[in-house]
Amino acid sequence: MFGIVGWLIAIPTLLGIALGVWIDSKFPSQYSWTLMLLFVGVVFGCINAWYWIERERGDD
């Protein structure tokens, strides 16, 4: 279960970083899209993991 929760957080985080790096390389600005999308990925991953845990807890 801990492995799945870890992946549920890691995958959106890595996708956010990858997208942010791509945006920063193509469209330079004073704001770091990498950092912003890293944060969005972590938040989305945590919400996703929370919903998954609540769903699994309800199946008992």
N, C-alpha and C. Protein backbone atom coordinates (compact mmCIF):
# COMPACT_ATOMS: atom_id res chain seq x y z
N MET A 1 0.83 -1.20 0.00
CA MET A 1 0.00 0.00 0.00
C MET A 1 0.87 1.26 0.00
N PHE A 2 1.98 1.25 0.79
CA PHE A 2 2.84 2.43 0.83
C PHE A 2 3.50 2.69 -0.51
N GLY A 3 3.82 1.63 -1.23
CA GLY A 3 4.43 1.80 -2.55
C GLY A 3 3.48 2.47 -3.52
N ILE A 4 2.23 2.08 -3.48
CA ILE A 4 1.22 2.67 -4.37
C ILE A 4 1.02 4.14 -4.02
N VAL A 5 0.94 4.43 -2.74
CA VAL A 5 0.77 5.83 -2.31
C VAL A 5 1.96 6.66 -2.76
N GLY A 6 3.16 6.10 -2.64
CA GLY A 6 4.35 6.81 -3.10
C GLY A 6 4.30 7.11 -4.58
N TRP A 7 3.90 6.13 -5.37
CA TRP A 7 3.80 6.36 -6.81
C TRP A 7 2.69 7.35 -7.16
N LEU A 8 1.61 7.32 -6.39
CA LEU A 8 0.52 8.26 -6.65
C LEU A 8 0.96 9.70 -6.42
N ILE A 9 1.95 9.90 -5.58
CA ILE A 9 2.49 11.25 -5.35
C ILE A 9 3.65 11.54 -6.30
N ALA A 10 4.49 10.55 -6.55
CA ALA A 10 5.70 10.77 -7.35
C ALA A 10 5.40 11.05 -8.82
N ILE A 11 4.47 10.33 -9.40
CA ILE A 11 4.21 10.48 -10.84
C ILE A 11 3.70 11.88 -11.19
N PRO A 12 2.67 12.42 -10.52
CA PRO A 12 2.25 13.79 -10.86
C PRO A 12 3.35 14.82 -10.59
N THR A 13 4.15 14.58 -9.55
CA THR A 13 5.24 15.50 -9.24
C THR A 13 6.27 15.51 -10.37
N LEU A 14 6.67 14.33 -10.84
CA LEU A 14 7.64 14.26 -11.92
C LEU A 14 7.08 14.80 -13.23
N LEU A 15 5.80 14.56 -13.49
CA LEU A 15 5.18 15.13 -14.68
C LEU A 15 5.14 16.66 -14.61
N GLY A 16 4.86 17.19 -13.43
CA GLY A 16 4.86 18.65 -13.25
C GLY A 16 6.25 19.23 -13.46
N ILE A 17 7.27 18.56 -12.94
CA ILE A 17 8.64 19.03 -13.14
C ILE A 17 9.01 19.00 -14.61
N ALA A 18 8.70 17.89 -15.29
CA ALA A 18 9.04 17.77 -16.71
C ALA A 18 8.34 18.85 -17.54
N LEU A 19 7.07 19.07 -17.28
CA LEU A 19 6.34 20.11 -18.00
C LEU A 19 6.90 21.49 -17.69
N GLY A 20 7.24 21.73 -16.43
CA GLY A 20 7.81 23.02 -16.04
C GLY A 20 9.15 23.28 -16.69
N VAL A 21 10.00 22.28 -16.75
CA VAL A 21 11.31 22.43 -17.40
C VAL A 21 11.11 22.75 -18.88
N TRP A 22 10.16 22.06 -19.51
CA TRP A 22 9.90 22.31 -20.93
C TRP A 22 9.39 23.73 -21.15
N ILE A 23 8.44 24.17 -20.31
CA ILE A 23 7.91 25.53 -20.45
C ILE A 23 9.00 26.56 -20.20
N ASP A 24 9.83 26.34 -19.17
CA ASP A 24 10.91 27.28 -18.89
C ASP A 24 11.92 27.36 -20.03
N SER A 25 12.16 26.26 -20.71
CA SER A 25 13.13 26.29 -21.81
C SER A 25 12.55 26.95 -23.07
N LYS A 26 11.26 26.80 -23.29
CA LYS A 26 10.62 27.36 -24.49
C LYS A 26 10.16 28.80 -24.31
N PHE A 27 9.71 29.14 -23.12
CA PHE A 27 9.14 30.46 -22.87
C PHE A 27 9.74 31.05 -21.59
N PRO A 28 10.94 31.58 -21.67
CA PRO A 28 11.58 32.13 -20.46
C PRO A 28 10.76 33.28 -19.89
N SER A 29 10.68 33.31 -18.57
CA SER A 29 9.99 34.40 -17.88
C SER A 29 10.65 34.61 -16.53
N GLN A 30 10.17 35.61 -15.81
CA GLN A 30 10.75 35.89 -14.50
C GLN A 30 10.29 34.90 -13.45
N TYR A 31 9.25 34.11 -13.74
CA TYR A 31 8.73 33.11 -12.82
C TYR A 31 9.21 31.72 -13.23
N SER A 32 9.46 30.88 -12.26
CA SER A 32 9.90 29.52 -12.53
C SER A 32 8.69 28.60 -12.63
N TRP A 33 8.39 28.19 -13.85
CA TRP A 33 7.28 27.26 -14.06
C TRP A 33 7.61 25.90 -13.45
N THR A 34 8.89 25.56 -13.41
CA THR A 34 9.28 24.28 -12.82
C THR A 34 8.88 24.22 -11.35
N LEU A 35 9.16 25.26 -10.61
CA LEU A 35 8.80 25.26 -9.19
C LEU A 35 7.30 25.31 -8.97
N MET A 36 6.61 26.10 -9.79
CA MET A 36 5.15 26.18 -9.64
C MET A 36 4.49 24.85 -9.95
N LEU A 37 4.92 24.19 -11.04
CA LEU A 37 4.30 22.93 -11.41
C LEU A 37 4.77 21.78 -10.51
N LEU A 38 5.94 21.92 -9.90
CA LEU A 38 6.36 20.96 -8.89
C LEU A 38 5.38 21.00 -7.73
N PHE A 39 5.06 22.18 -7.26
CA PHE A 39 4.11 22.34 -6.16
C PHE A 39 2.73 21.81 -6.55
N VAL A 40 2.27 22.14 -7.75
CA VAL A 40 0.96 21.67 -8.21
C VAL A 40 0.95 20.14 -8.29
N GLY A 41 2.04 19.55 -8.77
CA GLY A 41 2.13 18.09 -8.86
C GLY A 41 2.09 17.43 -7.50
N VAL A 42 2.79 18.00 -6.53
CA VAL A 42 2.78 17.43 -5.17
C VAL A 42 1.38 17.54 -4.57
N VAL A 43 0.75 18.68 -4.71
CA VAL A 43 -0.61 18.86 -4.17
C VAL A 43 -1.58 17.90 -4.84
N PHE A 44 -1.53 17.82 -6.16
CA PHE A 44 -2.42 16.91 -6.88
C PHE A 44 -2.16 15.46 -6.49
N GLY A 45 -0.89 15.09 -6.36
CA GLY A 45 -0.54 13.74 -5.95
C GLY A 45 -1.04 13.41 -4.56
N CYS A 46 -0.91 14.35 -3.64
CA CYS A 46 -1.39 14.11 -2.27
C CYS A 46 -2.90 13.97 -2.22
N ILE A 47 -3.60 14.79 -2.97
CA ILE A 47 -5.06 14.68 -3.02
C ILE A 47 -5.46 13.35 -3.64
N ASN A 48 -4.78 12.96 -4.71
CA ASN A 48 -5.04 11.70 -5.37
C ASN A 48 -4.79 10.53 -4.42
N ALA A 49 -3.70 10.56 -3.68
CA ALA A 49 -3.38 9.50 -2.72
C ALA A 49 -4.42 9.45 -1.60
N TRP A 50 -4.84 10.62 -1.14
CA TRP A 50 -5.84 10.67 -0.09
C TRP A 50 -7.15 10.03 -0.55
N TYR A 51 -7.60 10.36 -1.76
CA TYR A 51 -8.82 9.75 -2.28
C TYR A 51 -8.67 8.25 -2.43
N TRP A 52 -7.50 7.79 -2.87
CA TRP A 52 -7.27 6.37 -3.04
C TRP A 52 -7.32 5.64 -1.69
N ILE A 53 -6.69 6.23 -0.68
CA ILE A 53 -6.69 5.62 0.65
C ILE A 53 -8.11 5.58 1.21
N GLU A 54 -8.87 6.65 1.05
CA GLU A 54 -10.25 6.67 1.54
C GLU A 54 -11.11 5.62 0.82
N ARG A 55 -10.88 5.45 -0.46
CA ARG A 55 -11.63 4.44 -1.22
C ARG A 55 -11.28 3.04 -0.74
N GLU A 56 -9.99 2.78 -0.51
CA GLU A 56 -9.55 1.47 -0.03
C GLU A 56 -10.04 1.21 1.39
N ARG A 57 -10.08 2.21 2.21
CA ARG A 57 -10.55 2.06 3.59
C ARG A 57 -12.04 1.71 3.60
N GLY A 58 -12.79 2.26 2.67
CA GLY A 58 -14.23 2.01 2.60
C GLY A 58 -14.59 0.63 2.12
N ASP A 59 -13.66 -0.08 1.47
CA ASP A 59 -13.95 -1.41 0.94
C ASP A 59 -13.97 -2.48 2.01
N ASP A 60 -13.46 -2.19 3.21
CA ASP A 60 -13.40 -3.21 4.26
C ASP A 60 -14.72 -3.56 4.76
